């Protein structure tokens, strides 16, 4: 049997995964070939497309975010595996269901490996000194809700961004078309209840809620970096690690690199929940999935391996190995000690996963549009592009007209 895993950013993640596969293979007397396929240059997505077309390849494939929907016709239903896992560990969140449940059937199983939230990570001292925000007090590394967190709104986020820009430490938020920019814009739009396309596939961009979020956006874009429109997914990481930014939206990868290359920055960094808007508090969430190809000759063994790798003890070992970067799909597994203990500073990523005390909800940009439309909105970066057009001086009316034309093409 063969399996294609995502090649983890944290190398030790691959090592512990290989060890777990070897243990299962020895126990079950199955020969398993595990390959780790990089996402650099989208090689993993190209591999998925090639195997789907050729009807041959790995038995198990790791699918990022939208790729289950894109390959739904080629995947083996996984309802039996999901039932056993959810009976044991509880339900997964609605984003997983939105992305991997097609016509009532689970076509892949949400996994921890590669699954991430993308909330704010801020410089503790800079936000306190320049913006009056005590982010550690607001989101301490323990299961408590604070009154200060209730005041953490998009308006407060804007005020802090304005103060930090004046201090020469702008928020490293991009307006490009890659994932980090899309995810942050998606959280902002959702907090205002601003849908571009509704769940029935109707274009709803010309609405009061979209105008309200763009009015906020007009103020926010003025205090973002001058090159925000050309940001890619490495730009915000570099901004934090170099000590030039007070806040970015990202999983702990930027902090982990700073721990190695700029320890003074890492020691002064803290992950916390996203700000709230009129419709609530939403955090970007990008899950990974493991699926079995319909053309696999080893479906039974493939399902058994997936289920084994998602047992609590195996998920915990992998999570420890990557310093808490991977987020389990089951709420019952968010009590792993790694988020409390890893540092410096100790507890810096405790609030990286959504906690009950956050009063927040996982979200992926373009939801609730039908997935076949949402994936186009996401991949074309429609939301951050709307904000970029505001930064270039276009009016809200012009931006909505442009977006309407774009969406017409997606919904035909």
Foldseek 3Di string as FASTA:
>chain_A
DEEEAACAPQNLLVVLVVVLVVVVCVVVVHDYHYHHFYCVVDRLVVVVVVCLVVVDDGQKHKFWFQVCVVNVVFFDFLQVLQVVVCVPFNDFAPSQCLRQADPNTGRWAFFQGPKFWWFKKFQQVCLCVQLVDRVCVCPPLDQAADPSLQVQALVSVLSSQVRCLVVQAHAAAALEQEQQNLQVLQQLLVLLVQAQAALVRHGDNPDPSVVVSVVSLLSRLVSHDPCRHVDYPCRNLCSQLVVRHGMGTGFCPSLVVSVVVPVVSNLRMAGAFHHHHPNGGEIEIMTMTMTGTPSDPPNVVSSVSVSSCLPLVNSLVSCLSVQNRTDGSGPSNLVRCSCQQDDNVGNRCSRRDPHPSSRYYYDHGNPPYNSQLSVVCNNRSLSSVLSVVSSVPDDNVVSSVVSVVVSVVSSD
